[in-house]
Structure formats: structure tokens, C-alpha cells
Amino acid sequence: MIYSERIRILREDRDKKQSEIANILNKSQQGYAHLENDNARLSVDDLITLCKYYNVTADYILGLTDEIKELPKK
């Protein structure tokens, strides 16, 4: 799945460790690693949290677009 690669790239581009992102998602480091290794599915709640954290659209994380767009301002 594309999202597993995208969330890894986003994390690495921001010099974050898996454990840091796992903490944001209330998961263990191993649980988060399963998402990056495509051994677990990304929940909608986790997708929303990651979009907000990285300030990118779900379309980018899900691979519907290759253009990184920031979330619209409210």
C-alpha cells in the first residue's frame, strides 16, 4: 500500500523516530512499525491524526495525489 511508504517518508523527512509518531497515535513503537511495514492497516482515526500532525491532505498519504498539499485553513 502506498500509505505505508508515505507515512515513512513524512516521518523521515521531519527527522522523527517511529516511537515519537507511535506516541502521537497512542500505539507502541512496534504497532506503528507494522503500519510502515504494511503489516497493519491504517485506521481512519490514525489517518486524520497523521494528516493534522504533518499538515498534509489525506489524498497525499493515501496516494491519490503525488502533490503535497497543506490542509485548508479553518
PDB file of N, CA and C in Angstrom:
ATOM      1  N   MET A   1       0.838  -1.185   0.000  1.00  0.00           N
ATOM      2  CA  MET A   1       0.000   0.000   0.000  1.00  0.00           C
ATOM      3  C   MET A   1       0.885   1.251   0.000  1.00  0.00           C
ATOM      4  N   ILE A   2       0.410   2.254  -0.675  1.00  0.00           N
ATOM      5  CA  ILE A   2       1.173   3.492  -0.788  1.00  0.00           C
ATOM      6  C   ILE A   2       1.288   4.201   0.546  1.00  0.00           C
ATOM      7  N   TYR A   3       0.234   4.178   1.367  1.00  0.00           N
ATOM      8  CA  TYR A   3       0.291   4.965   2.601  1.00  0.00           C
ATOM      9  C   TYR A   3       1.416   4.527   3.519  1.00  0.00           C
ATOM     10  N   SER A   4       1.779   3.258   3.511  1.00  0.00           N
ATOM     11  CA  SER A   4       2.869   2.809   4.383  1.00  0.00           C
ATOM     12  C   SER A   4       4.184   3.486   4.000  1.00  0.00           C
ATOM     13  N   GLU A   5       4.409   3.638   2.714  1.00  0.00           N
ATOM     14  CA  GLU A   5       5.621   4.320   2.250  1.00  0.00           C
ATOM     15  C   GLU A   5       5.532   5.822   2.524  1.00  0.00           C
ATOM     16  N   ARG A   6       4.361   6.392   2.309  1.00  0.00           N
ATOM     17  CA  ARG A   6       4.192   7.831   2.507  1.00  0.00           C
ATOM     18  C   ARG A   6       4.388   8.232   3.969  1.00  0.00           C
ATOM     19  N   ILE A   7       3.850   7.467   4.900  1.00  0.00           N
ATOM     20  CA  ILE A   7       3.998   7.850   6.310  1.00  0.00           C
ATOM     21  C   ILE A   7       5.446   7.685   6.765  1.00  0.00           C
ATOM     22  N   ARG A   8       6.155   6.728   6.175  1.00  0.00           N
ATOM     23  CA  ARG A   8       7.580   6.576   6.495  1.00  0.00           C
ATOM     24  C   ARG A   8       8.366   7.773   5.976  1.00  0.00           C
ATOM     25  N   ILE A   9       8.088   8.178   4.737  1.00  0.00           N
ATOM     26  CA  ILE A   9       8.787   9.311   4.135  1.00  0.00           C
ATOM     27  C   ILE A   9       8.505  10.591   4.922  1.00  0.00           C
ATOM     28  N   LEU A  10       7.240  10.816   5.269  1.00  0.00           N
ATOM     29  CA  LEU A  10       6.899  12.009   6.041  1.00  0.00           C
ATOM     30  C   LEU A  10       7.645  12.023   7.375  1.00  0.00           C
ATOM     31  N   ARG A  11       7.691  10.874   8.032  1.00  0.00           N
ATOM     32  CA  ARG A  11       8.380  10.781   9.323  1.00  0.00           C
ATOM     33  C   ARG A  11       9.869  11.059   9.164  1.00  0.00           C
ATOM     34  N   GLU A  12      10.498  10.419   8.197  1.00  0.00           N
ATOM     35  CA  GLU A  12      11.935  10.586   7.994  1.00  0.00           C
ATOM     36  C   GLU A  12      12.289  12.005   7.556  1.00  0.00           C
ATOM     37  N   ASP A  13      11.448  12.623   6.720  1.00  0.00           N
ATOM     38  CA  ASP A  13      11.707  13.995   6.273  1.00  0.00           C
ATOM     39  C   ASP A  13      11.696  14.978   7.432  1.00  0.00           C
ATOM     40  N   ARG A  14      10.994  14.635   8.470  1.00  0.00           N
ATOM     41  CA  ARG A  14      10.914  15.511   9.641  1.00  0.00           C
ATOM     42  C   ARG A  14      11.819  15.044  10.782  1.00  0.00           C
ATOM     43  N   ASP A  15      12.688  14.093  10.474  1.00  0.00           N
ATOM     44  CA  ASP A  15      13.657  13.575  11.443  1.00  0.00           C
ATOM     45  C   ASP A  15      12.995  13.090  12.732  1.00  0.00           C
ATOM     46  N   LYS A  16      11.910  12.374  12.594  1.00  0.00           N
ATOM     47  CA  LYS A  16      11.202  11.812  13.746  1.00  0.00           C
ATOM     48  C   LYS A  16      11.473  10.319  13.830  1.00  0.00           C
ATOM     49  N   LYS A  17      11.429   9.803  15.039  1.00  0.00           N
ATOM     50  CA  LYS A  17      11.585   8.367  15.267  1.00  0.00           C
ATOM     51  C   LYS A  17      10.211   7.719  15.261  1.00  0.00           C
ATOM     52  N   GLN A  18      10.194   6.428  14.963  1.00  0.00           N
ATOM     53  CA  GLN A  18       8.929   5.702  14.988  1.00  0.00           C
ATOM     54  C   GLN A  18       8.245   5.834  16.346  1.00  0.00           C
ATOM     55  N   SER A  19       9.019   5.800  17.408  1.00  0.00           N
ATOM     56  CA  SER A  19       8.438   5.879  18.750  1.00  0.00           C
ATOM     57  C   SER A  19       7.733   7.213  18.985  1.00  0.00           C
ATOM     58  N   GLU A  20       8.245   8.292  18.379  1.00  0.00           N
ATOM     59  CA  GLU A  20       7.609   9.601  18.537  1.00  0.00           C
ATOM     60  C   GLU A  20       6.234   9.634  17.858  1.00  0.00           C
ATOM     61  N   ILE A  21       6.163   9.088  16.664  1.00  0.00           N
ATOM     62  CA  ILE A  21       4.888   9.065  15.946  1.00  0.00           C
ATOM     63  C   ILE A  21       3.939   8.065  16.605  1.00  0.00           C
ATOM     64  N   ALA A  22       4.479   6.971  17.071  1.00  0.00           N
ATOM     65  CA  ALA A  22       3.652   5.986  17.780  1.00  0.00           C
ATOM     66  C   ALA A  22       2.995   6.621  18.991  1.00  0.00           C
ATOM     67  N   ASN A  23       3.728   7.444  19.691  1.00  0.00           N
ATOM     68  CA  ASN A  23       3.188   8.128  20.863  1.00  0.00           C
ATOM     69  C   ASN A  23       2.017   9.036  20.485  1.00  0.00           C
ATOM     70  N   ILE A  24       2.140   9.734  19.387  1.00  0.00           N
ATOM     71  CA  ILE A  24       1.068  10.618  18.909  1.00  0.00           C
ATOM     72  C   ILE A  24      -0.188   9.804  18.583  1.00  0.00           C
ATOM     73  N   LEU A  25       0.017   8.591  18.075  1.00  0.00           N
ATOM     74  CA  LEU A  25      -1.113   7.731  17.698  1.00  0.00           C
ATOM     75  C   LEU A  25      -1.568   6.823  18.842  1.00  0.00           C
ATOM     76  N   ASN A  26      -0.950   6.973  20.005  1.00  0.00           N
ATOM     77  CA  ASN A  26      -1.259   6.108  21.157  1.00  0.00           C
ATOM     78  C   ASN A  26      -1.057   4.630  20.825  1.00  0.00           C
ATOM     79  N   LYS A  27       0.059   4.357  20.172  1.00  0.00           N
ATOM     80  CA  LYS A  27       0.440   2.986  19.813  1.00  0.00           C
ATOM     81  C   LYS A  27       1.834   2.706  20.368  1.00  0.00           C
ATOM     82  N   SER A  28       2.172   1.443  20.391  1.00  0.00           N
ATOM     83  CA  SER A  28       3.548   1.085  20.712  1.00  0.00           C
ATOM     84  C   SER A  28       4.406   1.357  19.473  1.00  0.00           C
ATOM     85  N   GLN A  29       5.705   1.431  19.665  1.00  0.00           N
ATOM     86  CA  GLN A  29       6.611   1.613  18.526  1.00  0.00           C
ATOM     87  C   GLN A  29       6.431   0.460  17.552  1.00  0.00           C
ATOM     88  N   GLN A  30       6.280  -0.739  18.078  1.00  0.00           N
ATOM     89  CA  GLN A  30       6.098  -1.917  17.224  1.00  0.00           C
ATOM     90  C   GLN A  30       4.782  -1.825  16.445  1.00  0.00           C
ATOM     91  N   GLY A  31       3.736  -1.336  17.110  1.00  0.00           N
ATOM     92  CA  GLY A  31       2.448  -1.177  16.432  1.00  0.00           C
ATOM     93  C   GLY A  31       2.545  -0.198  15.277  1.00  0.00           C
ATOM     94  N   TYR A  32       3.285   0.894  15.501  1.00  0.00           N
ATOM     95  CA  TYR A  32       3.476   1.853  14.423  1.00  0.00           C
ATOM     96  C   TYR A  32       4.346   1.262  13.315  1.00  0.00           C
ATOM     97  N   ALA A  33       5.367   0.534  13.684  1.00  0.00           N
ATOM     98  CA  ALA A  33       6.244  -0.102  12.687  1.00  0.00           C
ATOM     99  C   ALA A  33       5.443  -1.018  11.769  1.00  0.00           C
ATOM    100  N   HIS A  34       4.435  -1.679  12.311  1.00  0.00           N
ATOM    101  CA  HIS A  34       3.573  -2.537  11.482  1.00  0.00           C
ATOM    102  C   HIS A  34       2.867  -1.726  10.395  1.00  0.00           C
ATOM    103  N   LEU A  35       2.498  -0.479  10.702  1.00  0.00           N
ATOM    104  CA  LEU A  35       1.875   0.370   9.685  1.00  0.00           C
ATOM    105  C   LEU A  35       2.862   0.701   8.575  1.00  0.00           C
ATOM    106  N   GLU A  36       4.074   1.066   8.951  1.00  0.00           N
ATOM    107  CA  GLU A  36       5.089   1.414   7.951  1.00  0.00           C
ATOM    108  C   GLU A  36       5.529   0.204   7.132  1.00  0.00           C
ATOM    109  N   ASN A  37       5.467  -0.969   7.727  1.00  0.00           N
ATOM    110  CA  ASN A  37       5.898  -2.186   7.027  1.00  0.00           C
ATOM    111  C   ASN A  37       4.756  -2.881   6.315  1.00  0.00           C
ATOM    112  N   ASP A  38       3.588  -2.227   6.296  1.00  0.00           N
ATOM    113  CA  ASP A  38       2.406  -2.750   5.606  1.00  0.00           C
ATOM    114  C   ASP A  38       1.910  -4.064   6.211  1.00  0.00           C
ATOM    115  N   ASN A  39       2.122  -4.229   7.521  1.00  0.00           N
ATOM    116  CA  ASN A  39       1.642  -5.411   8.218  1.00  0.00           C
ATOM    117  C   ASN A  39       0.376  -5.126   9.018  1.00  0.00           C
ATOM    118  N   ALA A  40      -0.081  -3.869   8.978  1.00  0.00           N
ATOM    119  CA  ALA A  40      -1.317  -3.473   9.655  1.00  0.00           C
ATOM    120  C   ALA A  40      -1.959  -2.384   8.805  1.00  0.00           C
ATOM    121  N   ARG A  41      -3.263  -2.245   8.966  1.00  0.00           N
ATOM    122  CA  ARG A  41      -3.989  -1.231   8.204  1.00  0.00           C
ATOM    123  C   ARG A  41      -4.107   0.051   8.999  1.00  0.00           C
ATOM    124  N   LEU A  42      -4.031   1.146   8.302  1.00  0.00           N
ATOM    125  CA  LEU A  42      -4.159   2.463   8.891  1.00  0.00           C
ATOM    126  C   LEU A  42      -5.640   2.753   9.122  1.00  0.00           C
ATOM    127  N   SER A  43      -6.001   3.057  10.363  1.00  0.00           N
ATOM    128  CA  SER A  43      -7.398   3.371  10.664  1.00  0.00           C
ATOM    129  C   SER A  43      -7.703   4.801  10.226  1.00  0.00           C
ATOM    130  N   VAL A  44      -8.973   5.096  10.075  1.00  0.00           N
ATOM    131  CA  VAL A  44      -9.387   6.442   9.701  1.00  0.00           C
ATOM    132  C   VAL A  44      -8.955   7.439  10.778  1.00  0.00           C
ATOM    133  N   ASP A  45      -9.109   7.074  12.046  1.00  0.00           N
ATOM    134  CA  ASP A  45      -8.692   7.965  13.131  1.00  0.00           C
ATOM    135  C   ASP A  45      -7.198   8.265  13.075  1.00  0.00           C
ATOM    136  N   ASP A  46      -6.397   7.233  12.810  1.00  0.00           N
ATOM    137  CA  ASP A  46      -4.948   7.428  12.701  1.00  0.00           C
ATOM    138  C   ASP A  46      -4.601   8.275  11.479  1.00  0.00           C
ATOM    139  N   LEU A  47      -5.321   8.070  10.382  1.00  0.00           N
ATOM    140  CA  LEU A  47      -5.102   8.867   9.179  1.00  0.00           C
ATOM    141  C   LEU A  47      -5.360  10.344   9.465  1.00  0.00           C
ATOM    142  N   ILE A  48      -6.460  10.634  10.130  1.00  0.00           N
ATOM    143  CA  ILE A  48      -6.786  12.023  10.466  1.00  0.00           C
ATOM    144  C   ILE A  48      -5.716  12.628  11.360  1.00  0.00           C
ATOM    145  N   THR A  49      -5.289  11.880  12.361  1.00  0.00           N
ATOM    146  CA  THR A  49      -4.250  12.366  13.275  1.00  0.00           C
ATOM    147  C   THR A  49      -2.959  12.665  12.521  1.00  0.00           C
ATOM    148  N   LEU A  50      -2.556  11.772  11.627  1.00  0.00           N
ATOM    149  CA  LEU A  50      -1.327  11.988  10.859  1.00  0.00           C
ATOM    150  C   LEU A  50      -1.459  13.175   9.909  1.00  0.00           C
ATOM    151  N   CYS A  51      -2.615  13.336   9.292  1.00  0.00           N
ATOM    152  CA  CYS A  51      -2.839  14.489   8.410  1.00  0.00           C
ATOM    153  C   CYS A  51      -2.673  15.786   9.188  1.00  0.00           C
ATOM    154  N   LYS A  52      -3.263  15.842  10.363  1.00  0.00           N
ATOM    155  CA  LYS A  52      -3.153  17.041  11.185  1.00  0.00           C
ATOM    156  C   LYS A  52      -1.720  17.259  11.660  1.00  0.00           C
ATOM    157  N   TYR A  53      -1.070  16.193  12.078  1.00  0.00           N
ATOM    158  CA  TYR A  53       0.298  16.310  12.588  1.00  0.00           C
ATOM    159  C   TYR A  53       1.260  16.797  11.501  1.00  0.00           C
ATOM    160  N   TYR A  54       1.166  16.184  10.311  1.00  0.00           N
ATOM    161  CA  TYR A  54       2.076  16.538   9.227  1.00  0.00           C
ATOM    162  C   TYR A  54       1.562  17.710   8.379  1.00  0.00           C
ATOM    163  N   ASN A  55       0.314  18.130   8.626  1.00  0.00           N
ATOM    164  CA  ASN A  55      -0.331  19.197   7.868  1.00  0.00           C
ATOM    165  C   ASN A  55      -0.336  18.895   6.367  1.00  0.00           C
ATOM    166  N   VAL A  56      -0.773  17.696   6.035  1.00  0.00           N
ATOM    167  CA  VAL A  56      -0.929  17.280   4.641  1.00  0.00           C
ATOM    168  C   VAL A  56      -2.319  16.672   4.473  1.00  0.00           C
ATOM    169  N   THR A  57      -2.763  16.615   3.233  1.00  0.00           N
ATOM    170  CA  THR A  57      -4.078  16.052   2.965  1.00  0.00           C
ATOM    171  C   THR A  57      -4.042  14.520   3.008  1.00  0.00           C
ATOM    172  N   ALA A  58      -5.203  13.963   3.256  1.00  0.00           N
ATOM    173  CA  ALA A  58      -5.341  12.505   3.230  1.00  0.00           C
ATOM    174  C   ALA A  58      -5.081  11.977   1.819  1.00  0.00           C
ATOM    175  N   ASP A  59      -5.433  12.767   0.809  1.00  0.00           N
ATOM    176  CA  ASP A  59      -5.186  12.347  -0.575  1.00  0.00           C
ATOM    177  C   ASP A  59      -3.714  12.039  -0.801  1.00  0.00           C
ATOM    178  N   TYR A  60      -2.834  12.844  -0.217  1.00  0.00           N
ATOM    179  CA  TYR A  60      -1.405  12.590  -0.383  1.00  0.00           C
ATOM    180  C   TYR A  60      -0.997  11.302   0.331  1.00  0.00           C
ATOM    181  N   ILE A  61      -1.388  11.162   1.584  1.00  0.00           N
ATOM    182  CA  ILE A  61      -0.998   9.967   2.341  1.00  0.00           C
ATOM    183  C   ILE A  61      -1.545   8.711   1.679  1.00  0.00           C
ATOM    184  N   LEU A  62      -2.768   8.777   1.167  1.00  0.00           N
ATOM    185  CA  LEU A  62      -3.390   7.600   0.553  1.00  0.00           C
ATOM    186  C   LEU A  62      -2.913   7.331  -0.870  1.00  0.00           C
ATOM    187  N   GLY A  63      -2.141   8.247  -1.425  1.00  0.00           N
ATOM    188  CA  GLY A  63      -1.603   8.033  -2.764  1.00  0.00           C
ATOM    189  C   GLY A  63      -2.535   8.446  -3.883  1.00  0.00           C
ATOM    190  N   LEU A  64      -3.564   9.239  -3.567  1.00  0.00           N
ATOM    191  CA  LEU A  64      -4.481   9.707  -4.605  1.00  0.00           C
ATOM    192  C   LEU A  64      -3.890  10.871  -5.386  1.00  0.00           C
ATOM    193  N   THR A  65      -2.881  11.498  -4.820  1.00  0.00           N
ATOM    194  CA  THR A  65      -2.138  12.560  -5.497  1.00  0.00           C
ATOM    195  C   THR A  65      -0.684  12.485  -5.050  1.00  0.00           C
ATOM    196  N   ASP A  66       0.192  12.941  -5.911  1.00  0.00           N
ATOM    197  CA  ASP A  66       1.605  12.999  -5.546  1.00  0.00           C
ATOM    198  C   ASP A  66       1.993  14.390  -5.069  1.00  0.00           C
ATOM    199  N   GLU A  67       1.059  15.323  -5.154  1.00  0.00           N
ATOM    200  CA  GLU A  67       1.310  16.697  -4.740  1.00  0.00           C
ATOM    201  C   GLU A  67       1.024  16.836  -3.247  1.00  0.00           C
ATOM    202  N   ILE A  68       2.033  17.308  -2.521  1.00  0.00           N
ATOM    203  CA  ILE A  68       1.842  17.526  -1.089  1.00  0.00           C
ATOM    204  C   ILE A  68       1.132  18.863  -0.905  1.00  0.00           C
ATOM    205  N   LYS A  69      -0.100  18.777  -0.414  1.00  0.00           N
ATOM    206  CA  LYS A  69      -0.874  19.986  -0.153  1.00  0.00           C
ATOM    207  C   LYS A  69      -1.111  20.095   1.340  1.00  0.00           C
ATOM    208  N   GLU A  70      -1.015  21.318   1.836  1.00  0.00           N
ATOM    209  CA  GLU A  70      -1.321  21.559   3.230  1.00  0.00           C
ATOM    210  C   GLU A  70      -2.824  21.483   3.432  1.00  0.00           C
ATOM    211  N   LEU A  71      -3.219  21.216   4.668  1.00  0.00           N
ATOM    212  CA  LEU A  71      -4.642  21.200   4.989  1.00  0.00           C
ATOM    213  C   LEU A  71      -5.200  22.612   4.858  1.00  0.00           C
ATOM    214  N   PRO A  72      -6.447  22.720   4.426  1.00  0.00           N
ATOM    215  CA  PRO A  72      -7.045  24.056   4.334  1.00  0.00           C
ATOM    216  C   PRO A  72      -7.155  24.700   5.708  1.00  0.00           C
ATOM    217  N   LYS A  73      -6.976  26.003   5.742  1.00  0.00           N
ATOM    218  CA  LYS A  73      -7.110  26.751   6.995  1.00  0.00           C
ATOM    219  C   LYS A  73      -8.579  26.847   7.360  1.00  0.00           C
ATOM    220  N   LYS A  74      -8.856  26.790   8.660  1.00  0.00           N
ATOM    221  CA  LYS A  74     -10.256  26.913   9.104  1.00  0.00           C
ATOM    222  C   LYS A  74     -10.553  28.318   9.502  1.00  0.00           C
TER     223      LYS A  74
END
